[in-house]
Amino acid sequence: MDKIIDLMKDIIKSLTAGVIASIILMVISGLFSVLVNERNLAVTLDSVKNTLFIIGGLGLFVCAGFIAKRDARRPLENKKGWKEQFKVIHFINVLGIIDITILFAGIILDKVIFYL
C-alpha cells in the first residue's frame, strides 16, 4: 500500500513539474511573440501553441532515445537525491510525464484558439 501511495505522489510531482514547465514555456514564448508580432493576439497564441507542441514532441523523442539506448546512458550522479524526490518512478518516466503534460497544455491552448 505504501508503494502505491509513493507512486501516486511521484506522479503528482511529475505532473506539477510539467505544469510549471508549460507555464514557463508559455510565458517565454508569449513574450517573445509579442515583441516580434507587435501584439497580434491570434498570432501570439498560435506561436505559443506551436512552441508547446515542438518542445513536448522533441522531449518525447529524447525520452524514446533514452529507452532505446538503455545501456548507453550514464548513471545519475545524484541517485540518492533522486530517490528522495521520486521513490518509485525513474528519470525516463518522469521526463515522459512532463513531456506529455506539455503536449496536453498545447492541446488545451489549441482548443482555446479554436473557440476564439
PDB file of N, CA and C in Angstrom:
ATOM      1  N   MET A   1       0.818  -1.196   0.000  1.00  0.00           N
ATOM      2  CA  MET A   1       0.000   0.000   0.000  1.00  0.00           C
ATOM      3  C   MET A   1       0.864   1.264   0.000  1.00  0.00           C
ATOM      4  N   ASP A   2       1.985   1.203   0.720  1.00  0.00           N
ATOM      5  CA  ASP A   2       2.870   2.368   0.760  1.00  0.00           C
ATOM      6  C   ASP A   2       3.480   2.653  -0.606  1.00  0.00           C
ATOM      7  N   LYS A   3       3.752   1.588  -1.364  1.00  0.00           N
ATOM      8  CA  LYS A   3       4.341   1.776  -2.691  1.00  0.00           C
ATOM      9  C   LYS A   3       3.344   2.450  -3.635  1.00  0.00           C
ATOM     10  N   ILE A   4       2.062   2.127  -3.503  1.00  0.00           N
ATOM     11  CA  ILE A   4       1.038   2.759  -4.337  1.00  0.00           C
ATOM     12  C   ILE A   4       0.911   4.235  -3.985  1.00  0.00           C
ATOM     13  N   ILE A   5       0.958   4.541  -2.704  1.00  0.00           N
ATOM     14  CA  ILE A   5       0.887   5.947  -2.278  1.00  0.00           C
ATOM     15  C   ILE A   5       2.109   6.708  -2.769  1.00  0.00           C
ATOM     16  N   ASP A   6       3.292   6.087  -2.670  1.00  0.00           N
ATOM     17  CA  ASP A   6       4.507   6.734  -3.179  1.00  0.00           C
ATOM     18  C   ASP A   6       4.441   6.929  -4.691  1.00  0.00           C
ATOM     19  N   LEU A   7       3.862   5.959  -5.403  1.00  0.00           N
ATOM     20  CA  LEU A   7       3.700   6.090  -6.851  1.00  0.00           C
ATOM     21  C   LEU A   7       2.784   7.261  -7.188  1.00  0.00           C
ATOM     22  N   MET A   8       1.685   7.388  -6.478  1.00  0.00           N
ATOM     23  CA  MET A   8       0.762   8.499  -6.721  1.00  0.00           C
ATOM     24  C   MET A   8       1.435   9.844  -6.420  1.00  0.00           C
ATOM     25  N   LYS A   9       2.210   9.898  -5.348  1.00  0.00           N
ATOM     26  CA  LYS A   9       2.938  11.131  -5.021  1.00  0.00           C
ATOM     27  C   LYS A   9       3.946  11.476  -6.119  1.00  0.00           C
ATOM     28  N   ASP A  10       4.643  10.458  -6.629  1.00  0.00           N
ATOM     29  CA  ASP A  10       5.611  10.689  -7.699  1.00  0.00           C
ATOM     30  C   ASP A  10       4.933  11.194  -8.966  1.00  0.00           C
ATOM     31  N   ILE A  11       3.782  10.620  -9.297  1.00  0.00           N
ATOM     32  CA  ILE A  11       3.054  11.062 -10.489  1.00  0.00           C
ATOM     33  C   ILE A  11       2.567  12.491 -10.316  1.00  0.00           C
ATOM     34  N   ILE A  12       2.079  12.826  -9.128  1.00  0.00           N
ATOM     35  CA  ILE A  12       1.616  14.197  -8.873  1.00  0.00           C
ATOM     36  C   ILE A  12       2.780  15.179  -8.956  1.00  0.00           C
ATOM     37  N   LYS A  13       3.943  14.801  -8.429  1.00  0.00           N
ATOM     38  CA  LYS A  13       5.126  15.664  -8.542  1.00  0.00           C
ATOM     39  C   LYS A  13       5.525  15.860 -10.004  1.00  0.00           C
ATOM     40  N   SER A  14       5.463  14.786 -10.789  1.00  0.00           N
ATOM     41  CA  SER A  14       5.818  14.882 -12.207  1.00  0.00           C
ATOM     42  C   SER A  14       4.835  15.763 -12.961  1.00  0.00           C
ATOM     43  N   LEU A  15       3.542  15.608 -12.676  1.00  0.00           N
ATOM     44  CA  LEU A  15       2.532  16.448 -13.325  1.00  0.00           C
ATOM     45  C   LEU A  15       2.698  17.910 -12.932  1.00  0.00           C
ATOM     46  N   THR A  16       3.025  18.152 -11.672  1.00  0.00           N
ATOM     47  CA  THR A  16       3.260  19.525 -11.220  1.00  0.00           C
ATOM     48  C   THR A  16       4.459  20.131 -11.937  1.00  0.00           C
ATOM     49  N   ALA A  17       5.518  19.356 -12.076  1.00  0.00           N
ATOM     50  CA  ALA A  17       6.689  19.846 -12.810  1.00  0.00           C
ATOM     51  C   ALA A  17       6.343  20.121 -14.264  1.00  0.00           C
ATOM     52  N   GLY A  18       5.501  19.288 -14.867  1.00  0.00           N
ATOM     53  CA  GLY A  18       5.074  19.510 -16.245  1.00  0.00           C
ATOM     54  C   GLY A  18       4.228  20.758 -16.399  1.00  0.00           C
ATOM     55  N   VAL A  19       3.339  21.003 -15.439  1.00  0.00           N
ATOM     56  CA  VAL A  19       2.510  22.213 -15.490  1.00  0.00           C
ATOM     57  C   VAL A  19       3.378  23.456 -15.327  1.00  0.00           C
ATOM     58  N   ILE A  20       4.325  23.406 -14.409  1.00  0.00           N
ATOM     59  CA  ILE A  20       5.223  24.550 -14.206  1.00  0.00           C
ATOM     60  C   ILE A  20       6.068  24.788 -15.459  1.00  0.00           C
ATOM     61  N   ALA A  21       6.580  23.713 -16.061  1.00  0.00           N
ATOM     62  CA  ALA A  21       7.364  23.861 -17.295  1.00  0.00           C
ATOM     63  C   ALA A  21       6.504  24.427 -18.418  1.00  0.00           C
ATOM     64  N   SER A  22       5.248  24.000 -18.500  1.00  0.00           N
ATOM     65  CA  SER A  22       4.347  24.519 -19.535  1.00  0.00           C
ATOM     66  C   SER A  22       4.087  26.003 -19.349  1.00  0.00           C
ATOM     67  N   ILE A  23       3.863  26.413 -18.115  1.00  0.00           N
ATOM     68  CA  ILE A  23       3.611  27.832 -17.843  1.00  0.00           C
ATOM     69  C   ILE A  23       4.838  28.665 -18.185  1.00  0.00           C
ATOM     70  N   ILE A  24       6.011  28.179 -17.805  1.00  0.00           N
ATOM     71  CA  ILE A  24       7.243  28.912 -18.119  1.00  0.00           C
ATOM     72  C   ILE A  24       7.434  29.020 -19.630  1.00  0.00           C
ATOM     73  N   LEU A  25       7.201  27.924 -20.351  1.00  0.00           N
ATOM     74  CA  LEU A  25       7.325  27.961 -21.813  1.00  0.00           C
ATOM     75  C   LEU A  25       6.309  28.910 -22.432  1.00  0.00           C
ATOM     76  N   MET A  26       5.080  28.919 -21.898  1.00  0.00           N
ATOM     77  CA  MET A  26       4.058  29.821 -22.433  1.00  0.00           C
ATOM     78  C   MET A  26       4.434  31.280 -22.214  1.00  0.00           C
ATOM     79  N   VAL A  27       4.949  31.595 -21.043  1.00  0.00           N
ATOM     80  CA  VAL A  27       5.318  32.983 -20.751  1.00  0.00           C
ATOM     81  C   VAL A  27       6.481  33.425 -21.635  1.00  0.00           C
ATOM     82  N   ILE A  28       7.518  32.598 -21.731  1.00  0.00           N
ATOM     83  CA  ILE A  28       8.689  32.979 -22.525  1.00  0.00           C
ATOM     84  C   ILE A  28       8.338  33.115 -24.001  1.00  0.00           C
ATOM     85  N   SER A  29       7.645  32.119 -24.556  1.00  0.00           N
ATOM     86  CA  SER A  29       7.310  32.207 -25.981  1.00  0.00           C
ATOM     87  C   SER A  29       6.262  33.275 -26.240  1.00  0.00           C
ATOM     88  N   GLY A  30       5.369  33.516 -25.278  1.00  0.00           N
ATOM     89  CA  GLY A  30       4.385  34.588 -25.432  1.00  0.00           C
ATOM     90  C   GLY A  30       5.031  35.957 -25.444  1.00  0.00           C
ATOM     91  N   LEU A  31       5.976  36.182 -24.540  1.00  0.00           N
ATOM     92  CA  LEU A  31       6.679  37.471 -24.520  1.00  0.00           C
ATOM     93  C   LEU A  31       7.487  37.679 -25.797  1.00  0.00           C
ATOM     94  N   PHE A  32       8.174  36.644 -26.236  1.00  0.00           N
ATOM     95  CA  PHE A  32       8.956  36.757 -27.467  1.00  0.00           C
ATOM     96  C   PHE A  32       8.044  37.006 -28.666  1.00  0.00           C
ATOM     97  N   SER A  33       6.915  36.333 -28.698  1.00  0.00           N
ATOM     98  CA  SER A  33       5.981  36.505 -29.815  1.00  0.00           C
ATOM     99  C   SER A  33       5.352  37.893 -29.814  1.00  0.00           C
ATOM    100  N   VAL A  34       5.065  38.427 -28.637  1.00  0.00           N
ATOM    101  CA  VAL A  34       4.514  39.787 -28.558  1.00  0.00           C
ATOM    102  C   VAL A  34       5.535  40.799 -29.063  1.00  0.00           C
ATOM    103  N   LEU A  35       6.802  40.584 -28.728  1.00  0.00           N
ATOM    104  CA  LEU A  35       7.837  41.503 -29.197  1.00  0.00           C
ATOM    105  C   LEU A  35       7.999  41.442 -30.712  1.00  0.00           C
ATOM    106  N   VAL A  36       7.877  40.259 -31.277  1.00  0.00           N
ATOM    107  CA  VAL A  36       8.077  40.100 -32.715  1.00  0.00           C
ATOM    108  C   VAL A  36       6.830  40.479 -33.508  1.00  0.00           C
ATOM    109  N   ASN A  37       5.656  40.050 -33.048  1.00  0.00           N
ATOM    110  CA  ASN A  37       4.426  40.220 -33.823  1.00  0.00           C
ATOM    111  C   ASN A  37       3.631  41.471 -33.467  1.00  0.00           C
ATOM    112  N   GLU A  38       4.131  42.290 -32.608  1.00  0.00           N
ATOM    113  CA  GLU A  38       3.518  43.565 -32.239  1.00  0.00           C
ATOM    114  C   GLU A  38       2.069  43.415 -31.787  1.00  0.00           C
ATOM    115  N   ARG A  39       1.860  42.578 -30.785  1.00  0.00           N
ATOM    116  CA  ARG A  39       0.598  42.451 -30.053  1.00  0.00           C
ATOM    117  C   ARG A  39      -0.574  41.943 -30.878  1.00  0.00           C
ATOM    118  N   ASN A  40      -0.336  41.077 -31.799  1.00  0.00           N
ATOM    119  CA  ASN A  40      -1.412  40.404 -32.514  1.00  0.00           C
ATOM    120  C   ASN A  40      -1.757  39.138 -31.726  1.00  0.00           C
ATOM    121  N   LEU A  41      -2.945  39.101 -31.109  1.00  0.00           N
ATOM    122  CA  LEU A  41      -3.300  38.039 -30.171  1.00  0.00           C
ATOM    123  C   LEU A  41      -3.379  36.666 -30.836  1.00  0.00           C
ATOM    124  N   ALA A  42      -3.970  36.587 -32.006  1.00  0.00           N
ATOM    125  CA  ALA A  42      -4.127  35.289 -32.669  1.00  0.00           C
ATOM    126  C   ALA A  42      -2.774  34.683 -33.031  1.00  0.00           C
ATOM    127  N   VAL A  43      -1.892  35.497 -33.545  1.00  0.00           N
ATOM    128  CA  VAL A  43      -0.563  35.005 -33.923  1.00  0.00           C
ATOM    129  C   VAL A  43       0.240  34.638 -32.677  1.00  0.00           C
ATOM    130  N   THR A  44       0.093  35.421 -31.617  1.00  0.00           N
ATOM    131  CA  THR A  44       0.805  35.139 -30.374  1.00  0.00           C
ATOM    132  C   THR A  44       0.359  33.808 -29.782  1.00  0.00           C
ATOM    133  N   LEU A  45      -0.943  33.581 -29.692  1.00  0.00           N
ATOM    134  CA  LEU A  45      -1.442  32.317 -29.149  1.00  0.00           C
ATOM    135  C   LEU A  45      -1.035  31.135 -30.020  1.00  0.00           C
ATOM    136  N   ASP A  46      -1.035  31.340 -31.326  1.00  0.00           N
ATOM    137  CA  ASP A  46      -0.640  30.268 -32.231  1.00  0.00           C
ATOM    138  C   ASP A  46       0.843  29.926 -32.080  1.00  0.00           C
ATOM    139  N   SER A  47       1.679  30.929 -31.909  1.00  0.00           N
ATOM    140  CA  SER A  47       3.109  30.646 -31.734  1.00  0.00           C
ATOM    141  C   SER A  47       3.380  29.993 -30.379  1.00  0.00           C
ATOM    142  N   VAL A  48       2.621  30.366 -29.346  1.00  0.00           N
ATOM    143  CA  VAL A  48       2.773  29.710 -28.043  1.00  0.00           C
ATOM    144  C   VAL A  48       2.364  28.241 -28.153  1.00  0.00           C
ATOM    145  N   LYS A  49       1.262  27.976 -28.851  1.00  0.00           N
ATOM    146  CA  LYS A  49       0.800  26.597 -29.062  1.00  0.00           C
ATOM    147  C   LYS A  49       1.854  25.795 -29.820  1.00  0.00           C
ATOM    148  N   ASN A  50       2.400  26.381 -30.871  1.00  0.00           N
ATOM    149  CA  ASN A  50       3.425  25.683 -31.654  1.00  0.00           C
ATOM    150  C   ASN A  50       4.672  25.406 -30.824  1.00  0.00           C
ATOM    151  N   THR A  51       5.039  26.350 -29.962  1.00  0.00           N
ATOM    152  CA  THR A  51       6.193  26.144 -29.087  1.00  0.00           C
ATOM    153  C   THR A  51       5.961  24.964 -28.155  1.00  0.00           C
ATOM    154  N   LEU A  52       4.770  24.890 -27.574  1.00  0.00           N
ATOM    155  CA  LEU A  52       4.466  23.776 -26.677  1.00  0.00           C
ATOM    156  C   LEU A  52       4.502  22.444 -27.419  1.00  0.00           C
ATOM    157  N   PHE A  53       3.953  22.412 -28.627  1.00  0.00           N
ATOM    158  CA  PHE A  53       3.969  21.169 -29.403  1.00  0.00           C
ATOM    159  C   PHE A  53       5.389  20.764 -29.786  1.00  0.00           C
ATOM    160  N   ILE A  54       6.209  21.720 -30.178  1.00  0.00           N
ATOM    161  CA  ILE A  54       7.583  21.405 -30.592  1.00  0.00           C
ATOM    162  C   ILE A  54       8.405  20.911 -29.406  1.00  0.00           C
ATOM    163  N   ILE A  55       8.349  21.622 -28.281  1.00  0.00           N
ATOM    164  CA  ILE A  55       9.134  21.230 -27.106  1.00  0.00           C
ATOM    165  C   ILE A  55       8.658  19.882 -26.564  1.00  0.00           C
ATOM    166  N   GLY A  56       7.347  19.694 -26.483  1.00  0.00           N
ATOM    167  CA  GLY A  56       6.820  18.415 -25.997  1.00  0.00           C
ATOM    168  C   GLY A  56       7.180  17.258 -26.913  1.00  0.00           C
ATOM    169  N   GLY A  57       7.084  17.477 -28.220  1.00  0.00           N
ATOM    170  CA  GLY A  57       7.435  16.423 -29.174  1.00  0.00           C
ATOM    171  C   GLY A  57       8.911  16.075 -29.144  1.00  0.00           C
ATOM    172  N   LEU A  58       9.757  17.091 -29.085  1.00  0.00           N
ATOM    173  CA  LEU A  58      11.198  16.828 -29.009  1.00  0.00           C
ATOM    174  C   LEU A  58      11.562  16.129 -27.702  1.00  0.00           C
ATOM    175  N   GLY A  59      10.883  16.496 -26.633  1.00  0.00           N
ATOM    176  CA  GLY A  59      11.118  15.821 -25.356  1.00  0.00           C
ATOM    177  C   GLY A  59      10.747  14.351 -25.407  1.00  0.00           C
ATOM    178  N   LEU A  60       9.661  14.032 -26.111  1.00  0.00           N
ATOM    179  CA  LEU A  60       9.287  12.621 -26.257  1.00  0.00           C
ATOM    180  C   LEU A  60      10.296  11.866 -27.113  1.00  0.00           C
ATOM    181  N   PHE A  61      10.894  12.542 -28.114  1.00  0.00           N
ATOM    182  CA  PHE A  61      11.959  11.899 -28.887  1.00  0.00           C
ATOM    183  C   PHE A  61      13.169  11.603 -28.002  1.00  0.00           C
ATOM    184  N   VAL A  62      13.520  12.530 -27.132  1.00  0.00           N
ATOM    185  CA  VAL A  62      14.631  12.308 -26.203  1.00  0.00           C
ATOM    186  C   VAL A  62      14.309  11.147 -25.270  1.00  0.00           C
ATOM    187  N   CYS A  63      13.084  11.116 -24.786  1.00  0.00           N
ATOM    188  CA  CYS A  63      12.648  10.028 -23.904  1.00  0.00           C
ATOM    189  C   CYS A  63      12.724   8.682 -24.628  1.00  0.00           C
ATOM    190  N   ALA A  64      12.294   8.645 -25.881  1.00  0.00           N
ATOM    191  CA  ALA A  64      12.372   7.410 -26.664  1.00  0.00           C
ATOM    192  C   ALA A  64      13.823   7.001 -26.898  1.00  0.00           C
ATOM    193  N   GLY A  65      14.696   7.973 -27.100  1.00  0.00           N
ATOM    194  CA  GLY A  65      16.114   7.664 -27.256  1.00  0.00           C
ATOM    195  C   GLY A  65      16.706   7.069 -25.993  1.00  0.00           C
ATOM    196  N   PHE A  66      16.296   7.581 -24.831  1.00  0.00           N
ATOM    197  CA  PHE A  66      16.766   7.005 -23.568  1.00  0.00           C
ATOM    198  C   PHE A  66      16.285   5.565 -23.407  1.00  0.00           C
ATOM    199  N   ILE A  67      15.069   5.303 -23.837  1.00  0.00           N
ATOM    200  CA  ILE A  67      14.533   3.946 -23.715  1.00  0.00           C
ATOM    201  C   ILE A  67      15.233   3.008 -24.693  1.00  0.00           C
ATOM    202  N   ALA A  68      15.484   3.464 -25.920  1.00  0.00           N
ATOM    203  CA  ALA A  68      16.101   2.614 -26.937  1.00  0.00           C
ATOM    204  C   ALA A  68      17.554   2.290 -26.611  1.00  0.00           C
ATOM    205  N   LYS A  69      18.289   3.227 -26.057  1.00  0.00           N
ATOM    206  CA  LYS A  69      19.705   3.036 -25.743  1.00  0.00           C
ATOM    207  C   LYS A  69      19.898   2.989 -24.234  1.00  0.00           C
ATOM    208  N   ARG A  70      19.284   2.046 -23.595  1.00  0.00           N
ATOM    209  CA  ARG A  70      19.301   1.968 -22.137  1.00  0.00           C
ATOM    210  C   ARG A  70      20.727   1.828 -21.586  1.00  0.00           C
ATOM    211  N   ASP A  71      21.580   1.053 -22.236  1.00  0.00           N
ATOM    212  CA  ASP A  71      22.936   0.835 -21.737  1.00  0.00           C
ATOM    213  C   ASP A  71      23.884   1.972 -22.082  1.00  0.00           C
ATOM    214  N   ALA A  72      23.524   2.827 -23.020  1.00  0.00           N
ATOM    215  CA  ALA A  72      24.427   3.877 -23.478  1.00  0.00           C
ATOM    216  C   ALA A  72      24.454   5.083 -22.542  1.00  0.00           C
ATOM    217  N   ARG A  73      23.427   5.264 -21.754  1.00  0.00           N
ATOM    218  CA  ARG A  73      23.401   6.453 -20.900  1.00  0.00           C
ATOM    219  C   ARG A  73      24.178   6.210 -19.614  1.00  0.00           C
ATOM    220  N   ARG A  74      24.691   7.279 -19.085  1.00  0.00           N
ATOM    221  CA  ARG A  74      25.454   7.170 -17.847  1.00  0.00           C
ATOM    222  C   ARG A  74      24.495   7.209 -16.659  1.00  0.00           C
ATOM    223  N   PRO A  75      24.892   6.654 -15.537  1.00  0.00           N
ATOM    224  CA  PRO A  75      24.001   6.660 -14.369  1.00  0.00           C
ATOM    225  C   PRO A  75      23.870   8.071 -13.788  1.00  0.00           C
ATOM    226  N   LEU A  76      22.804   8.269 -13.047  1.00  0.00           N
ATOM    227  CA  LEU A  76      22.586   9.570 -12.417  1.00  0.00           C
ATOM    228  C   LEU A  76      23.689   9.856 -11.410  1.00  0.00           C
ATOM    229  N   GLU A  77      24.163  11.087 -11.382  1.00  0.00           N
ATOM    230  CA  GLU A  77      25.229  11.452 -10.453  1.00  0.00           C
ATOM    231  C   GLU A  77      24.714  11.542  -9.024  1.00  0.00           C
ATOM    232  N   ASN A  78      23.493  12.016  -8.856  1.00  0.00           N
ATOM    233  CA  ASN A  78      22.928  12.188  -7.527  1.00  0.00           C
ATOM    234  C   ASN A  78      21.729  11.253  -7.376  1.00  0.00           C
ATOM    235  N   LYS A  79      22.010   9.967  -7.421  1.00  0.00           N
ATOM    236  CA  LYS A  79      20.925   8.983  -7.378  1.00  0.00           C
ATOM    237  C   LYS A  79      20.206   8.996  -6.034  1.00  0.00           C
ATOM    238  N   LYS A  80      20.933   9.266  -4.971  1.00  0.00           N
ATOM    239  CA  LYS A  80      20.310   9.308  -3.645  1.00  0.00           C
ATOM    240  C   LYS A  80      19.329  10.477  -3.559  1.00  0.00           C
ATOM    241  N   GLY A  81      19.714  11.623  -4.087  1.00  0.00           N
ATOM    242  CA  GLY A  81      18.815  12.776  -4.105  1.00  0.00           C
ATOM    243  C   GLY A  81      17.595  12.532  -4.974  1.00  0.00           C
ATOM    244  N   TRP A  82      17.797  11.795  -6.087  1.00  0.00           N
ATOM    245  CA  TRP A  82      16.662  11.463  -6.957  1.00  0.00           C
ATOM    246  C   TRP A  82      15.690  10.548  -6.227  1.00  0.00           C
ATOM    247  N   LYS A  83      16.215   9.566  -5.510  1.00  0.00           N
ATOM    248  CA  LYS A  83      15.356   8.636  -4.779  1.00  0.00           C
ATOM    249  C   LYS A  83      14.615   9.323  -3.630  1.00  0.00           C
ATOM    250  N   GLU A  84      15.167  10.414  -3.106  1.00  0.00           N
ATOM    251  CA  GLU A  84      14.440  11.171  -2.083  1.00  0.00           C
ATOM    252  C   GLU A  84      13.246  11.888  -2.687  1.00  0.00           C
ATOM    253  N   GLN A  85      13.392  12.391  -3.903  1.00  0.00           N
ATOM    254  CA  GLN A  85      12.303  13.116  -4.557  1.00  0.00           C
ATOM    255  C   GLN A  85      11.285  12.173  -5.187  1.00  0.00           C
ATOM    256  N   PHE A  86      11.762  11.163  -5.902  1.00  0.00           N
ATOM    257  CA  PHE A  86      10.893  10.220  -6.601  1.00  0.00           C
ATOM    258  C   PHE A  86      11.245   8.818  -6.124  1.00  0.00           C
ATOM    259  N   LYS A  87      10.404   8.260  -5.282  1.00  0.00           N
ATOM    260  CA  LYS A  87      10.721   6.984  -4.649  1.00  0.00           C
ATOM    261  C   LYS A  87      10.480   5.780  -5.555  1.00  0.00           C
ATOM    262  N   VAL A  88       9.519   5.876  -6.475  1.00  0.00           N
ATOM    263  CA  VAL A  88       9.132   4.703  -7.257  1.00  0.00           C
ATOM    264  C   VAL A  88       9.523   4.828  -8.726  1.00  0.00           C
ATOM    265  N   ILE A  89       9.171   5.939  -9.369  1.00  0.00           N
ATOM    266  CA  ILE A  89       9.388   6.035 -10.812  1.00  0.00           C
ATOM    267  C   ILE A  89      10.786   6.566 -11.123  1.00  0.00           C
ATOM    268  N   HIS A  90      11.251   6.233 -12.321  1.00  0.00           N
ATOM    269  CA  HIS A  90      12.610   6.565 -12.733  1.00  0.00           C
ATOM    270  C   HIS A  90      12.631   7.839 -13.579  1.00  0.00           C
ATOM    271  N   PHE A  91      13.839   8.270 -13.908  1.00  0.00           N
ATOM    272  CA  PHE A  91      14.049   9.522 -14.635  1.00  0.00           C
ATOM    273  C   PHE A  91      13.329   9.540 -15.976  1.00  0.00           C
ATOM    274  N   ILE A  92      13.384   8.452 -16.709  1.00  0.00           N
ATOM    275  CA  ILE A  92      12.768   8.399 -18.041  1.00  0.00           C
ATOM    276  C   ILE A  92      11.261   8.575 -17.935  1.00  0.00           C
ATOM    277  N   ASN A  93      10.666   7.945 -16.927  1.00  0.00           N
ATOM    278  CA  ASN A  93       9.223   8.060 -16.746  1.00  0.00           C
ATOM    279  C   ASN A  93       8.821   9.481 -16.368  1.00  0.00           C
ATOM    280  N   VAL A  94       9.605  10.107 -15.516  1.00  0.00           N
ATOM    281  CA  VAL A  94       9.316  11.492 -15.128  1.00  0.00           C
ATOM    282  C   VAL A  94       9.433  12.405 -16.341  1.00  0.00           C
ATOM    283  N   LEU A  95      10.466  12.205 -17.147  1.00  0.00           N
ATOM    284  CA  LEU A  95      10.640  13.003 -18.358  1.00  0.00           C
ATOM    285  C   LEU A  95       9.465  12.811 -19.313  1.00  0.00           C
ATOM    286  N   GLY A  96       9.010  11.584 -19.463  1.00  0.00           N
ATOM    287  CA  GLY A  96       7.862  11.314 -20.322  1.00  0.00           C
ATOM    288  C   GLY A  96       6.586  11.968 -19.817  1.00  0.00           C
ATOM    289  N   ILE A  97       6.351  11.921 -18.516  1.00  0.00           N
ATOM    290  CA  ILE A  97       5.152  12.550 -17.946  1.00  0.00           C
ATOM    291  C   ILE A  97       5.201  14.058 -18.133  1.00  0.00           C
ATOM    292  N   ILE A  98       6.366  14.654 -17.937  1.00  0.00           N
ATOM    293  CA  ILE A  98       6.499  16.102 -18.127  1.00  0.00           C
ATOM    294  C   ILE A  98       6.238  16.468 -19.590  1.00  0.00           C
ATOM    295  N   ASP A  99       6.787  15.691 -20.520  1.00  0.00           N
ATOM    296  CA  ASP A  99       6.580  15.977 -21.946  1.00  0.00           C
ATOM    297  C   ASP A  99       5.119  15.812 -22.353  1.00  0.00           C
ATOM    298  N   ILE A 100       4.464  14.800 -21.843  1.00  0.00           N
ATOM    299  CA  ILE A 100       3.043  14.608 -22.149  1.00  0.00           C
ATOM    300  C   ILE A 100       2.211  15.738 -21.563  1.00  0.00           C
ATOM    301  N   THR A 101       2.581  16.234 -20.394  1.00  0.00           N
ATOM    302  CA  THR A 101       1.873  17.366 -19.796  1.00  0.00           C
ATOM    303  C   THR A 101       2.049  18.620 -20.640  1.00  0.00           C
ATOM    304  N   ILE A 102       3.247  18.831 -21.172  1.00  0.00           N
ATOM    305  CA  ILE A 102       3.482  19.981 -22.049  1.00  0.00           C
ATOM    306  C   ILE A 102       2.641  19.856 -23.315  1.00  0.00           C
ATOM    307  N   LEU A 103       2.575  18.668 -23.894  1.00  0.00           N
ATOM    308  CA  LEU A 103       1.733  18.461 -25.075  1.00  0.00           C
ATOM    309  C   LEU A 103       0.256  18.662 -24.748  1.00  0.00           C
ATOM    310  N   PHE A 104      -0.167  18.232 -23.573  1.00  0.00           N
ATOM    311  CA  PHE A 104      -1.559  18.415 -23.161  1.00  0.00           C
ATOM    312  C   PHE A 104      -1.890  19.898 -23.005  1.00  0.00           C
ATOM    313  N   ALA A 105      -0.936  20.686 -22.496  1.00  0.00           N
ATOM    314  CA  ALA A 105      -1.150  22.139 -22.412  1.00  0.00           C
ATOM    315  C   ALA A 105      -1.292  22.735 -23.807  1.00  0.00           C
ATOM    316  N   GLY A 106      -0.529  22.227 -24.764  1.00  0.00           N
ATOM    317  CA  GLY A 106      -0.667  22.682 -26.146  1.00  0.00           C
ATOM    318  C   GLY A 106      -2.020  22.329 -26.728  1.00  0.00           C
ATOM    319  N   ILE A 107      -2.536  21.153 -26.392  1.00  0.00           N
ATOM    320  CA  ILE A 107      -3.862  20.751 -26.869  1.00  0.00           C
ATOM    321  C   ILE A 107      -4.936  21.654 -26.283  1.00  0.00           C
ATOM    322  N   ILE A 108      -4.831  21.963 -24.997  1.00  0.00           N
ATOM    323  CA  ILE A 108      -5.805  22.862 -24.366  1.00  0.00           C
ATOM    324  C   ILE A 108      -5.752  24.236 -25.015  1.00  0.00           C
ATOM    325  N   LEU A 109      -4.551  24.741 -25.261  1.00  0.00           N
ATOM    326  CA  LEU A 109      -4.417  26.047 -25.909  1.00  0.00           C
ATOM    327  C   LEU A 109      -4.968  26.009 -27.334  1.00  0.00           C
ATOM    328  N   ASP A 110      -4.815  24.897 -28.026  1.00  0.00           N
ATOM    329  CA  ASP A 110      -5.376  24.752 -29.367  1.00  0.00           C
ATOM    330  C   ASP A 110      -6.901  24.818 -29.326  1.00  0.00           C
ATOM    331  N   LYS A 111      -7.506  24.201 -28.331  1.00  0.00           N
ATOM    332  CA  LYS A 111      -8.966  24.278 -28.185  1.00  0.00           C
ATOM    333  C   LYS A 111      -9.414  25.700 -27.856  1.00  0.00           C
ATOM    334  N   VAL A 112      -8.641  26.405 -27.034  1.00  0.00           N
ATOM    335  CA  VAL A 112      -8.971  27.805 -26.719  1.00  0.00           C
ATOM    336  C   VAL A 112      -8.911  28.652 -27.984  1.00  0.00           C
ATOM    337  N   ILE A 113      -7.874  28.456 -28.788  1.00  0.00           N
ATOM    338  CA  ILE A 113      -7.745  29.204 -30.044  1.00  0.00           C
ATOM    339  C   ILE A 113      -8.898  28.866 -30.982  1.00  0.00           C
ATOM    340  N   PHE A 114      -9.306  27.610 -31.023  1.00  0.00           N
ATOM    341  CA  PHE A 114     -10.389  27.188 -31.913  1.00  0.00           C
ATOM    342  C   PHE A 114     -11.706  27.876 -31.544  1.00  0.00           C
ATOM    343  N   TYR A 115     -11.967  28.021 -30.248  1.00  0.00           N
ATOM    344  CA  TYR A 115     -13.231  28.623 -29.823  1.00  0.00           C
ATOM    345  C   TYR A 115     -13.188  30.139 -29.762  1.00  0.00           C
ATOM    346  N   LEU A 116     -12.034  30.756 -29.985  1.00  0.00           N
ATOM    347  CA  LEU A 116     -11.968  32.225 -30.058  1.00  0.00           C
ATOM    348  C   LEU A 116     -12.330  32.614 -31.435  1.00  0.00           C
TER     349      LEU A 116
END
